[in-house]
Amino acid sequence: MPVGYFSLILHAHLPFVRHPEYPEFLEEDWLYEAITEVYLPLIYSFQNLHEAGMNPRLAMNVSPPLCEMLADELLQERYTRHLENLYELSKKELERVSREEPQFCEVVKMYVENLGASLDLWNVKYQRNLVNAFRELQEEGVLEIITCGATHGFLPLISTEESRRAQINIAVGNYRKHFGRQPRGIWLPECAYEPGIENLLKNAGIEYFIGDSHALLYGEPRPRYGVHAPVVCPNGTAVFARDVETSEQVWSAEVGYPGNADYREFYRDVGWDLPLEYLKPHLHKDGTRRHLGLKYYRISGRDISTGDKQPYVPNRAREKAAEDAANFVGKRIEQAYKLRETFEGHPPLVTAPYDAELYGHWWFEGPQFLDFLFRELHYKKDLITPVTPGDFLDAHLPIQIQQPSASSWGANGYYKVWLNEGNAWMYPYSHDAERRITELANKYNEPTDLERRVLNQLARELLLAQSSDWAFQIYQGTTVQYSSNRFKSHVQRFGLLATGLENSDINEDLLKEIESRDNIFAEIDYRIYQSHR
């Protein structure tokens, strides 16, 4: 038995953004950036580690909206154009900097190599569908893929039992569609929990969920091992909670690794730095400046202004990533020894959940860090062993029974990020739709084909309105208009369709248009909202 166990859990999620009504759409870039900077590098790294015998082992939530977007042919085609455009720009840039700014040659060569390799992986190896790549990593024993809420709905703020159940059961069904098996665990959206949710999880066949540290630390009775061992709810559902020390080492703006001076500066991008006329062939048709993903500067120091940043040096950053990974593993071994002594010989489990998009998007060197991390863990597995929550449960160690506390991983551990003076206006509308869909689902036991299509689309519109991303982005002050409009549009479409159904006046042309736009969950069955299910 090792001194302790380490469970890395990545949360890969983006809201469902798909706009076929426009030839280009700015917010679709969220997905394209994540594929280029996060998903492709992580998949490539994990596959290489596996083939080299390094035995990486981690859990990863690939959320239902992300799975649906990754498997969507329209978005696959658009991403291909996006990646080809970026590759062409990088090659053009290599010619320019060789003449005009040779201090950037090294970083631009890195982009040319990375983007060329990404195109090959995307088109050839993974056939433009990364869901299959994730599924392969699970089948090879690298990943334990878990699920999430169907559209990342904030469960404690959903008003009816039927709509909470739908968020969970639709997610489980979608997981089976994409991964061909039952998920063992779930990343509760925003790690938001309140007592009773575990019963819905158990009924859906879920064995465990990921919670925030507050869930265990304020639960009853007090957890014997703090957050360094799972607990089980009285109904048998296990809870794995976030370790604060590990989280701070990566997330903290003051002491976290991503703030190192040698790492890439996120906020300097050629989309804003280079002449507009030069960039126009690589921008959207409207010619508006935007982030393009080619960033040539390093952080340089905490007190260095944006305009005084120094050129990025890829080799220096890679060496720093290796150094930080070794430091991280060393800290986990120290932590395990201290905890084991405190726990009188009980092996601690350090659970480390992070947004996957941190690794590669916000922290460009994040995938390199994880690559070095698992290499370090491979050689020190007798001291600290990487496991998934499922692996830990399979070890059949005794687990304390506890009733966790209501909590989330938002500021101060409760719900204010998703319910506050800036976004509270949303909930009366979603709660009305939640009540209304159950009334309609109960009423229509034997619908016509057209009525069934309306009922299924009502379910999609409600689910898309419930996405916690809209309330979060309004709170953060980012893309407030887009998030507000997305919520309002789904509520409006729900209302139009529901009223047409109730009045036996279904506008089939409108229905077709909405179905073609909001096409998430082709397998959906509105009867999940019936109160007797």
Protein backbone atom coordinates (compact mmCIF):
# COMPACT_ATOMS: atom_id res chain seq x y z
CA MET A 1 0.00 0.00 0.00
CA PRO A 2 1.41 3.45 -0.91
CA VAL A 3 1.70 6.33 1.54
CA GLY A 4 -1.28 7.95 -0.14
CA TYR A 5 -3.47 8.21 -3.23
CA PHE A 6 -3.96 11.06 -5.68
CA SER A 7 -7.07 11.51 -7.83
CA LEU A 8 -6.93 14.09 -10.61
CA ILE A 9 -10.38 14.92 -11.95
CA LEU A 10 -10.82 17.17 -14.99
CA HIS A 11 -14.12 18.85 -15.78
CA ALA A 12 -14.41 19.34 -19.57
CA HIS A 13 -17.51 21.41 -20.22
CA LEU A 14 -18.72 24.20 -22.49
CA PRO A 15 -22.28 25.48 -22.96
CA PHE A 16 -24.04 24.31 -26.11
CA VAL A 17 -23.25 27.00 -28.68
CA ARG A 18 -24.30 26.23 -32.23
CA HIS A 19 -25.63 28.85 -34.65
CA PRO A 20 -26.36 27.38 -38.10
CA GLU A 21 -28.36 30.50 -38.92
CA TYR A 22 -25.07 32.43 -39.25
CA PRO A 23 -22.07 31.51 -41.42
CA GLU A 24 -19.76 32.51 -38.54
CA PHE A 25 -20.46 33.13 -34.87
CA LEU A 26 -18.02 34.58 -32.34
CA GLU A 27 -19.10 32.45 -29.35
CA GLU A 28 -18.56 29.24 -31.34
CA ASP A 29 -14.86 30.10 -30.98
CA TRP A 30 -15.11 28.93 -27.36
CA LEU A 31 -15.32 25.37 -28.65
CA TYR A 32 -12.67 25.82 -31.34
CA GLU A 33 -10.17 27.33 -28.92
CA ALA A 34 -10.78 24.52 -26.42
CA ILE A 35 -10.27 21.81 -29.05
CA THR A 36 -6.99 23.36 -30.22
CA GLU A 37 -5.55 24.35 -26.87
CA VAL A 38 -7.04 21.80 -24.46
CA TYR A 39 -8.69 18.65 -25.82
CA LEU A 40 -6.29 17.76 -28.63
CA PRO A 41 -3.15 18.34 -26.51
CA LEU A 42 -4.57 16.40 -23.55
CA ILE A 43 -5.71 13.45 -25.66
CA TYR A 44 -2.36 13.37 -27.46
CA SER A 45 -0.43 13.55 -24.18
CA PHE A 46 -2.48 10.86 -22.42
CA GLN A 47 -2.20 8.54 -25.43
CA ASN A 48 1.59 9.00 -25.60
CA LEU A 49 1.97 8.38 -21.87
CA HIS A 50 -0.09 5.21 -22.17
CA GLU A 51 1.89 3.92 -25.13
CA ALA A 52 5.16 4.67 -23.28
CA GLY A 53 4.02 2.54 -20.33
CA MET A 54 3.68 5.49 -17.95
CA ASN A 55 0.21 4.32 -16.84
CA PRO A 56 -1.57 7.66 -16.43
CA ARG A 57 -4.83 7.28 -14.53
CA LEU A 58 -7.40 10.03 -13.95
CA ALA A 59 -11.10 10.78 -14.07
CA MET A 60 -12.55 13.20 -16.58
CA ASN A 61 -16.03 14.57 -17.05
CA VAL A 62 -16.84 15.15 -20.71
CA SER A 63 -20.14 16.94 -20.28
CA PRO A 64 -23.20 16.09 -22.42
CA PRO A 65 -23.28 19.48 -24.22
CA LEU A 66 -19.59 19.11 -25.05
CA CYS A 67 -20.11 15.56 -26.34
CA GLU A 68 -22.99 16.76 -28.51
CA MET A 69 -20.91 19.59 -29.98
CA LEU A 70 -17.85 17.41 -30.57
CA ALA A 71 -20.04 14.91 -32.45
CA ASP A 72 -21.89 17.55 -34.50
CA GLU A 73 -20.99 17.52 -38.21
CA LEU A 74 -21.65 21.24 -38.73
CA LEU A 75 -19.32 22.19 -35.87
CA GLN A 76 -16.73 19.64 -36.99
CA GLU A 77 -16.69 21.26 -40.45
CA ARG A 78 -16.49 24.76 -39.02
CA TYR A 79 -13.68 23.78 -36.68
CA THR A 80 -11.73 22.29 -39.58
CA ARG A 81 -11.90 25.65 -41.37
CA HIS A 82 -10.90 27.43 -38.15
CA LEU A 83 -7.84 25.23 -37.66
CA GLU A 84 -6.78 25.48 -41.32
CA ASN A 85 -7.09 29.27 -41.12
CA LEU A 86 -4.95 29.42 -37.98
CA TYR A 87 -2.32 27.15 -39.54
CA GLU A 88 -2.13 29.35 -42.64
CA LEU A 89 -1.75 32.46 -40.47
CA SER A 90 1.05 30.84 -38.45
CA LYS A 91 2.99 30.02 -41.64
CA LYS A 92 2.47 33.56 -42.92
CA GLU A 93 3.64 34.88 -39.57
CA LEU A 94 6.81 32.79 -39.67
CA GLU A 95 7.79 34.52 -42.91
CA ARG A 96 6.99 37.96 -41.46
CA VAL A 97 8.79 37.60 -38.11
CA SER A 98 11.84 36.11 -39.84
CA ARG A 99 12.16 39.44 -41.68
CA GLU A 100 10.82 41.92 -39.14
CA GLU A 101 10.83 40.50 -35.59
CA PRO A 102 13.32 37.63 -35.32
CA GLN A 103 12.93 37.56 -31.53
CA PHE A 104 9.58 35.79 -32.14
CA CYS A 105 10.88 33.13 -34.56
CA GLU A 106 11.09 30.43 -31.92
CA VAL A 107 7.55 30.86 -30.65
CA VAL A 108 6.07 31.11 -34.16
CA LYS A 109 7.90 27.93 -35.21
CA MET A 110 6.27 26.26 -32.20
CA TYR A 111 2.83 27.33 -33.44
CA VAL A 112 3.51 26.11 -36.98
CA GLU A 113 4.59 22.71 -35.65
CA ASN A 114 1.75 22.44 -33.12
CA LEU A 115 -0.99 23.50 -35.52
CA GLY A 116 0.29 21.26 -38.29
CA ALA A 117 0.34 18.32 -35.90
CA SER A 118 -3.15 19.25 -34.67
CA LEU A 119 -4.50 19.22 -38.23
CA ASP A 120 -3.07 15.76 -38.76
CA LEU A 121 -4.51 14.45 -35.49
CA TRP A 122 -7.88 16.04 -36.16
CA ASN A 123 -8.32 14.92 -39.77
CA VAL A 124 -6.46 11.62 -39.85
CA LYS A 125 -6.04 9.99 -36.46
CA TYR A 126 -9.30 11.09 -34.80
CA GLN A 127 -11.42 11.50 -37.96
CA ARG A 128 -12.75 14.84 -36.67
CA ASN A 129 -14.59 13.24 -33.71
CA LEU A 130 -12.87 13.62 -30.35
CA VAL A 131 -15.64 11.75 -28.51
CA ASN A 132 -14.23 8.59 -30.07
CA ALA A 133 -10.75 9.58 -28.89
CA PHE A 134 -11.97 10.03 -25.31
CA ARG A 135 -13.87 6.75 -25.52
CA GLU A 136 -10.71 4.95 -26.69
CA LEU A 137 -8.74 6.33 -23.74
CA GLN A 138 -11.40 5.01 -21.38
CA GLU A 139 -11.33 1.58 -22.99
CA GLU A 140 -7.51 1.55 -22.67
CA GLY A 141 -7.75 2.20 -18.92
CA VAL A 142 -6.34 5.73 -18.96
CA LEU A 143 -9.52 7.68 -18.25
CA GLU A 144 -12.54 7.03 -16.09
CA ILE A 145 -15.05 9.23 -17.89
CA ILE A 146 -17.87 10.52 -15.74
CA THR A 147 -20.92 12.57 -16.63
CA CYS A 148 -22.50 15.85 -15.53
CA GLY A 149 -25.95 17.45 -15.61
CA ALA A 150 -27.56 17.24 -19.04
CA THR A 151 -26.93 20.93 -19.69
CA HIS A 152 -24.98 21.78 -16.53
CA GLY A 153 -28.15 22.86 -14.74
CA PHE A 154 -27.56 24.13 -11.19
CA LEU A 155 -29.55 21.41 -9.44
CA PRO A 156 -30.41 23.13 -6.11
CA LEU A 157 -31.96 26.05 -8.03
CA ILE A 158 -34.17 23.83 -10.22
CA SER A 159 -37.67 23.96 -8.75
CA THR A 160 -39.21 20.55 -9.47
CA GLU A 161 -38.16 17.00 -8.75
CA GLU A 162 -39.03 16.04 -12.33
CA SER A 163 -36.70 18.63 -13.85
CA ARG A 164 -33.85 17.70 -11.51
CA ARG A 165 -34.32 14.07 -12.39
CA ALA A 166 -34.36 14.93 -16.08
CA GLN A 167 -31.01 16.75 -15.84
CA ILE A 168 -29.46 13.60 -14.39
CA ASN A 169 -31.23 10.86 -16.35
CA ILE A 170 -30.85 12.58 -19.72
CA ALA A 171 -27.14 12.98 -18.99
CA VAL A 172 -26.83 9.26 -18.19
CA GLY A 173 -28.65 8.31 -21.39
CA ASN A 174 -26.47 10.65 -23.45
CA TYR A 175 -23.35 9.17 -21.86
CA ARG A 176 -24.48 5.68 -22.88
CA LYS A 177 -25.03 6.92 -26.43
CA HIS A 178 -21.52 8.33 -26.72
CA PHE A 179 -19.48 5.94 -24.57
CA GLY A 180 -21.41 2.68 -24.75
CA ARG A 181 -21.60 2.04 -21.01
CA GLN A 182 -23.10 3.28 -17.75
CA PRO A 183 -21.24 6.14 -16.03
CA ARG A 184 -20.03 5.35 -12.53
CA GLY A 185 -19.74 8.94 -11.35
CA ILE A 186 -21.02 12.44 -11.92
CA TRP A 187 -19.53 15.88 -11.58
CA LEU A 188 -22.47 17.75 -10.10
CA PRO A 189 -22.77 21.00 -12.10
CA GLU A 190 -20.77 23.65 -10.23
CA CYS A 191 -20.29 20.93 -7.56
CA ALA A 192 -23.68 22.19 -6.30
CA TYR A 193 -25.37 19.88 -3.83
CA GLU A 194 -28.22 19.88 -1.38
CA PRO A 195 -29.56 16.90 0.59
CA GLY A 196 -31.83 14.69 -1.50
CA ILE A 197 -29.90 14.95 -4.77
CA GLU A 198 -28.10 11.71 -3.91
CA ASN A 199 -31.40 9.83 -4.19
CA LEU A 200 -31.84 10.96 -7.80
CA LEU A 201 -28.25 9.87 -8.49
CA LYS A 202 -28.74 6.44 -6.97
CA ASN A 203 -31.95 5.90 -8.96
CA ALA A 204 -29.97 6.71 -12.13
CA GLY A 205 -27.28 4.13 -11.26
CA ILE A 206 -24.64 6.70 -10.24
CA GLU A 207 -22.16 5.41 -7.63
CA TYR A 208 -20.44 8.67 -6.65
CA PHE A 209 -20.35 12.41 -7.16
CA ILE A 210 -17.74 15.17 -6.94
CA GLY A 211 -18.47 17.84 -4.33
CA ASP A 212 -16.80 20.86 -2.85
CA SER A 213 -14.82 20.69 0.40
CA HIS A 214 -17.70 22.43 2.22
CA ALA A 215 -19.98 19.47 1.49
CA LEU A 216 -17.94 17.19 3.75
CA LEU A 217 -16.45 19.66 6.23
CA TYR A 218 -19.88 20.97 7.25
CA GLY A 219 -21.66 17.62 6.97
CA GLU A 220 -23.04 15.52 9.84
CA PRO A 221 -21.24 13.96 11.61
CA ARG A 222 -17.85 15.65 11.13
CA PRO A 223 -15.72 13.69 8.64
CA ARG A 224 -13.08 11.68 10.45
CA TYR A 225 -10.51 12.22 7.69
CA GLY A 226 -11.65 15.66 6.53
CA VAL A 227 -11.73 15.81 2.72
CA HIS A 228 -8.94 13.21 2.43
CA ALA A 229 -11.25 10.23 2.22
CA PRO A 230 -14.64 9.87 0.58
CA VAL A 231 -17.83 9.51 2.59
CA VAL A 232 -21.03 7.74 1.68
CA CYS A 233 -24.45 9.27 2.04
CA PRO A 234 -26.96 7.23 4.06
CA ASN A 235 -28.31 5.85 0.76
CA GLY A 236 -24.86 4.51 -0.23
CA THR A 237 -23.83 7.16 -2.78
CA ALA A 238 -20.18 8.13 -2.30
CA VAL A 239 -18.87 11.71 -2.22
CA PHE A 240 -15.35 12.82 -3.16
CA ALA A 241 -14.50 16.39 -2.11
CA ARG A 242 -11.94 18.92 -3.30
CA ASP A 243 -8.61 19.26 -1.48
CA VAL A 244 -8.03 22.98 -0.82
CA GLU A 245 -4.20 22.89 -0.71
CA THR A 246 -3.89 21.18 -4.08
CA SER A 247 -6.42 23.52 -5.64
CA GLU A 248 -4.55 26.60 -4.43
CA GLN A 249 -1.25 25.42 -5.90
CA VAL A 250 -2.73 25.56 -9.38
CA TRP A 251 -5.58 28.08 -9.20
CA SER A 252 -4.22 30.79 -6.91
CA ALA A 253 -3.30 34.08 -8.62
CA GLU A 254 -0.67 34.68 -5.94
CA VAL A 255 1.06 31.32 -5.45
CA GLY A 256 -0.29 29.19 -8.32
CA TYR A 257 2.07 27.78 -10.94
CA PRO A 258 0.38 29.45 -13.98
CA GLY A 259 1.54 32.88 -12.86
CA ASN A 260 5.23 32.12 -13.38
CA ALA A 261 7.15 34.71 -15.41
CA ASP A 262 8.31 32.15 -18.02
CA TYR A 263 4.80 30.99 -18.93
CA ARG A 264 2.84 32.35 -21.87
CA GLU A 265 0.95 35.60 -21.40
CA PHE A 266 -2.74 35.01 -22.15
CA TYR A 267 -3.75 38.62 -22.78
CA ARG A 268 -1.34 39.55 -25.62
CA ASP A 269 -2.69 38.14 -28.89
CA VAL A 270 -1.84 38.92 -32.52
CA GLY A 271 -5.54 39.49 -33.15
CA TRP A 272 -5.14 42.79 -31.30
CA ASP A 273 -1.44 43.51 -31.89
CA LEU A 274 -1.01 43.25 -35.68
CA PRO A 275 -2.33 45.66 -38.37
CA LEU A 276 -5.99 45.10 -39.16
CA GLU A 277 -5.52 44.97 -42.95
CA TYR A 278 -2.88 42.25 -42.56
CA LEU A 279 -5.19 40.18 -40.33
CA LYS A 280 -8.43 40.61 -42.29
CA PRO A 281 -8.13 37.39 -44.35
CA HIS A 282 -8.01 35.49 -41.03
CA LEU A 283 -10.83 37.28 -39.20
CA HIS A 284 -14.55 36.79 -39.53
CA LYS A 285 -16.20 38.44 -42.52
CA ASP A 286 -17.16 41.50 -40.44
CA GLY A 287 -13.44 42.24 -39.93
CA THR A 288 -13.80 42.66 -36.16
CA ARG A 289 -10.64 42.07 -34.13
CA ARG A 290 -10.67 39.02 -31.87
CA HIS A 291 -8.35 36.61 -30.13
CA LEU A 292 -6.75 34.33 -32.71
CA GLY A 293 -4.70 32.17 -30.37
CA LEU A 294 -1.21 33.20 -31.48
CA LYS A 295 0.41 34.79 -28.43
CA TYR A 296 4.10 35.71 -28.54
CA TYR A 297 4.85 37.00 -25.06
CA ARG A 298 5.57 35.54 -21.65
CA ILE A 299 4.14 36.77 -18.37
CA SER A 300 7.54 38.33 -17.61
CA GLY A 301 6.64 39.27 -14.01
CA ARG A 302 3.68 40.31 -11.87
CA ASP A 303 4.54 44.02 -12.03
CA ILE A 304 5.28 44.12 -15.77
CA SER A 305 2.69 46.06 -17.77
CA THR A 306 1.04 44.40 -20.76
CA GLY A 307 3.01 46.57 -23.17
CA ASP A 308 6.37 45.64 -21.63
CA LYS A 309 6.08 41.86 -21.80
CA GLN A 310 9.11 39.88 -23.02
CA PRO A 311 9.17 37.32 -25.89
CA TYR A 312 7.99 33.84 -25.01
CA VAL A 313 10.69 31.14 -25.03
CA PRO A 314 9.05 27.68 -25.46
CA ASN A 315 12.00 25.65 -24.11
CA ARG A 316 12.23 27.74 -20.95
CA ALA A 317 8.52 27.35 -20.35
CA ARG A 318 8.71 23.59 -20.90
CA GLU A 319 11.57 23.30 -18.40
CA LYS A 320 9.53 25.28 -15.90
CA ALA A 321 6.54 22.97 -16.43
CA ALA A 322 8.75 19.96 -15.65
CA GLU A 323 10.07 21.71 -12.54
CA ASP A 324 6.57 22.61 -11.35
CA ALA A 325 5.29 19.07 -11.94
CA ALA A 326 8.13 17.64 -9.85
CA ASN A 327 7.40 20.20 -7.14
CA PHE A 328 3.69 19.34 -7.21
CA VAL A 329 4.35 15.60 -6.81
CA GLY A 330 6.87 16.31 -4.03
CA LYS A 331 4.25 18.38 -2.20
CA ARG A 332 1.71 15.57 -2.56
CA ILE A 333 4.17 13.07 -1.05
CA GLU A 334 4.88 15.43 1.87
CA GLN A 335 1.15 15.95 2.31
CA ALA A 336 0.50 12.20 2.24
CA TYR A 337 3.11 11.49 4.94
CA LYS A 338 1.68 14.19 7.23
CA LEU A 339 -1.90 13.08 6.71
CA ARG A 340 -1.10 9.42 7.20
CA GLU A 341 0.59 10.23 10.50
CA THR A 342 -2.40 12.33 11.54
CA PHE A 343 -4.78 9.56 10.48
CA GLU A 344 -2.84 6.90 12.42
CA GLY A 345 -1.88 4.88 9.38
CA HIS A 346 -5.02 5.37 7.23
CA PRO A 347 -3.85 6.12 3.64
CA PRO A 348 -5.13 9.57 2.59
CA LEU A 349 -6.74 10.32 -0.75
CA VAL A 350 -6.08 13.76 -2.24
CA THR A 351 -8.88 14.65 -4.65
CA ALA A 352 -7.89 17.37 -7.13
CA PRO A 353 -10.77 18.56 -9.36
CA TYR A 354 -10.13 21.28 -11.95
CA ASP A 355 -11.78 22.78 -15.00
CA ALA A 356 -10.09 21.03 -17.92
CA GLU A 357 -9.97 24.33 -19.82
CA LEU A 358 -7.40 25.61 -17.32
CA TYR A 359 -4.91 23.16 -18.87
CA GLY A 360 -4.00 24.65 -22.23
CA HIS A 361 -6.34 27.60 -22.63
CA TRP A 362 -5.77 29.75 -19.54
CA TRP A 363 -2.51 28.00 -18.71
CA PHE A 364 -0.90 27.21 -22.05
CA GLU A 365 1.71 24.89 -20.50
CA GLY A 366 -0.95 22.96 -18.55
CA PRO A 367 -0.91 19.86 -20.82
CA GLN A 368 2.91 19.75 -20.57
CA PHE A 369 2.59 20.04 -16.78
CA LEU A 370 0.22 17.07 -16.68
CA ASP A 371 2.51 15.05 -18.96
CA PHE A 372 5.44 15.60 -16.58
CA LEU A 373 3.16 15.05 -13.59
CA PHE A 374 2.20 11.53 -14.66
CA ARG A 375 5.80 10.69 -15.52
CA GLU A 376 6.79 11.71 -11.98
CA LEU A 377 3.92 9.73 -10.49
CA HIS A 378 4.91 6.66 -12.51
CA TYR A 379 8.36 6.58 -10.90
CA LYS A 380 6.99 7.38 -7.44
CA LYS A 381 3.85 5.27 -7.49
CA ASP A 382 5.01 3.31 -4.44
CA LEU A 383 4.72 6.56 -2.48
CA ILE A 384 1.73 8.22 -4.16
CA THR A 385 -0.51 6.28 -6.53
CA PRO A 386 -2.82 7.93 -9.10
CA VAL A 387 -6.34 6.52 -8.90
CA THR A 388 -9.84 7.40 -10.01
CA PRO A 389 -12.76 7.59 -7.57
CA GLY A 390 -14.00 4.31 -9.02
CA ASP A 391 -10.62 2.68 -8.35
CA PHE A 392 -10.77 3.85 -4.73
CA LEU A 393 -14.27 2.44 -4.26
CA ASP A 394 -13.15 -0.85 -5.80
CA ALA A 395 -10.46 -1.15 -3.10
CA HIS A 396 -13.31 -1.71 -0.58
CA LEU A 397 -11.69 0.34 2.17
CA PRO A 398 -14.06 1.21 5.05
CA ILE A 399 -15.89 4.49 4.32
CA GLN A 400 -17.63 6.74 6.84
CA ILE A 401 -21.37 7.35 6.51
CA GLN A 402 -22.21 11.05 6.52
CA GLN A 403 -24.94 13.45 5.43
CA PRO A 404 -23.10 16.11 3.37
CA SER A 405 -23.97 19.78 3.64
CA ALA A 406 -25.51 21.98 0.95
CA SER A 407 -22.64 23.62 -0.94
CA SER A 408 -21.07 24.53 -4.28
CA TRP A 409 -17.55 25.31 -5.48
CA GLY A 410 -18.48 28.95 -6.02
CA ALA A 411 -17.24 31.82 -3.85
CA ASN A 412 -17.49 30.98 -0.14
CA GLY A 413 -18.97 27.57 -0.88
CA TYR A 414 -22.61 28.47 -1.37
CA TYR A 415 -24.89 29.61 -4.23
CA LYS A 416 -24.43 33.39 -4.57
CA VAL A 417 -22.58 33.18 -7.92
CA TRP A 418 -25.70 31.68 -9.54
CA LEU A 419 -28.36 33.52 -7.55
CA ASN A 420 -27.76 37.22 -6.91
CA GLU A 421 -29.11 40.64 -7.76
CA GLY A 422 -27.69 40.40 -11.30
CA ASN A 423 -29.27 37.12 -12.39
CA ALA A 424 -32.19 36.46 -10.02
CA TRP A 425 -34.59 37.68 -12.74
CA MET A 426 -34.02 34.43 -14.65
CA TYR A 427 -35.48 31.97 -12.18
CA PRO A 428 -39.21 32.82 -12.25
CA TYR A 429 -39.15 32.13 -16.00
CA SER A 430 -37.29 28.82 -15.75
CA HIS A 431 -39.39 27.70 -12.78
CA ASP A 432 -42.59 28.41 -14.69
CA ALA A 433 -41.31 26.34 -17.63
CA GLU A 434 -40.31 23.51 -15.26
CA ARG A 435 -43.84 23.35 -13.87
CA ARG A 436 -45.43 23.68 -17.30
CA ILE A 437 -43.45 20.90 -18.99
CA THR A 438 -44.47 18.37 -16.35
CA GLU A 439 -48.13 19.35 -16.75
CA LEU A 440 -47.86 18.86 -20.52
CA ALA A 441 -45.88 15.62 -20.25
CA ASN A 442 -48.53 14.22 -17.90
CA LYS A 443 -51.33 15.29 -20.25
CA TYR A 444 -49.94 13.84 -23.48
CA ASN A 445 -49.65 10.09 -22.95
CA GLU A 446 -50.38 9.21 -26.58
CA PRO A 447 -49.32 12.20 -28.68
CA THR A 448 -49.36 12.38 -32.45
CA ASP A 449 -45.96 12.46 -34.17
CA LEU A 450 -46.17 16.25 -34.47
CA GLU A 451 -47.16 16.66 -30.82
CA ARG A 452 -44.31 14.37 -29.78
CA ARG A 453 -41.84 16.51 -31.72
CA VAL A 454 -43.12 19.63 -29.94
CA LEU A 455 -42.91 17.96 -26.53
CA ASN A 456 -39.36 16.76 -27.18
CA GLN A 457 -38.34 20.23 -28.36
CA LEU A 458 -39.88 21.76 -25.25
CA ALA A 459 -37.58 19.51 -23.24
CA ARG A 460 -34.55 20.71 -25.25
CA GLU A 461 -35.46 24.38 -24.84
CA LEU A 462 -35.95 24.03 -21.09
CA LEU A 463 -32.68 22.15 -20.70
CA LEU A 464 -30.77 24.77 -22.68
CA ALA A 465 -32.34 27.59 -20.63
CA GLN A 466 -31.29 25.82 -17.41
CA SER A 467 -27.57 25.87 -18.24
CA SER A 468 -25.74 27.36 -15.25
CA ASP A 469 -23.29 28.99 -17.66
CA TRP A 470 -25.71 31.84 -18.41
CA ALA A 471 -26.13 32.89 -14.77
CA PHE A 472 -22.38 32.46 -14.17
CA GLN A 473 -21.36 34.66 -17.10
CA ILE A 474 -23.85 37.35 -16.09
CA TYR A 475 -22.36 37.32 -12.57
CA GLN A 476 -18.82 37.46 -13.96
CA GLY A 477 -19.68 40.36 -16.24
CA THR A 478 -18.41 38.49 -19.33
CA THR A 479 -20.61 38.05 -22.43
CA VAL A 480 -23.55 39.36 -20.39
CA GLN A 481 -25.62 40.27 -23.44
CA TYR A 482 -25.06 36.93 -25.17
CA SER A 483 -25.85 34.95 -22.01
CA SER A 484 -28.99 36.97 -21.29
CA ASN A 485 -30.15 36.63 -24.89
CA ARG A 486 -29.53 32.89 -24.94
CA PHE A 487 -31.60 32.38 -21.81
CA LYS A 488 -34.40 34.62 -23.09
CA SER A 489 -34.44 32.96 -26.52
CA HIS A 490 -34.87 29.46 -25.07
CA VAL A 491 -37.61 30.62 -22.71
CA GLN A 492 -39.35 32.39 -25.61
CA ARG A 493 -39.14 29.34 -27.88
CA PHE A 494 -40.46 27.19 -25.06
CA GLY A 495 -43.40 29.56 -24.61
CA LEU A 496 -44.25 29.72 -28.33
CA LEU A 497 -44.20 25.95 -28.73
CA ALA A 498 -46.07 25.24 -25.49
CA THR A 499 -48.81 27.75 -26.32
CA GLY A 500 -49.20 26.31 -29.82
CA LEU A 501 -49.49 22.80 -28.37
CA GLU A 502 -52.04 23.86 -25.73
CA ASN A 503 -54.16 25.66 -28.36
CA SER A 504 -53.88 22.85 -30.95
CA ASP A 505 -52.25 25.40 -33.24
CA ILE A 506 -48.74 24.05 -33.91
CA ASN A 507 -46.67 26.04 -36.37
CA GLU A 508 -44.71 23.24 -38.07
CA ASP A 509 -42.42 25.60 -39.99
CA LEU A 510 -41.43 27.30 -36.74
CA LEU A 511 -40.92 23.90 -35.12
CA LYS A 512 -38.63 22.77 -37.96
CA GLU A 513 -36.55 25.92 -37.69
CA ILE A 514 -36.13 25.54 -33.93
CA GLU A 515 -35.34 21.82 -34.25
CA SER A 516 -32.61 22.55 -36.79
CA ARG A 517 -31.04 25.18 -34.53
CA ASP A 518 -31.33 23.58 -31.06
CA ASN A 519 -30.64 19.99 -32.08
CA ILE A 520 -29.02 18.77 -28.86
CA PHE A 521 -30.04 15.29 -27.60
CA ALA A 522 -31.58 13.67 -30.67
CA GLU A 523 -32.47 10.72 -28.42
CA ILE A 524 -34.55 12.75 -25.94
CA ASP A 525 -37.93 11.48 -24.72
CA TYR A 526 -40.17 14.12 -23.10
CA ARG A 527 -41.76 11.45 -20.87
CA ILE A 528 -38.80 11.80 -18.49
CA TYR A 529 -40.70 14.85 -17.18
CA GLN A 530 -43.84 12.89 -16.28
CA SER A 531 -44.45 13.04 -12.54
CA HIS A 532 -45.06 9.30 -12.13
CA ARG A 533 -41.73 8.17 -13.63
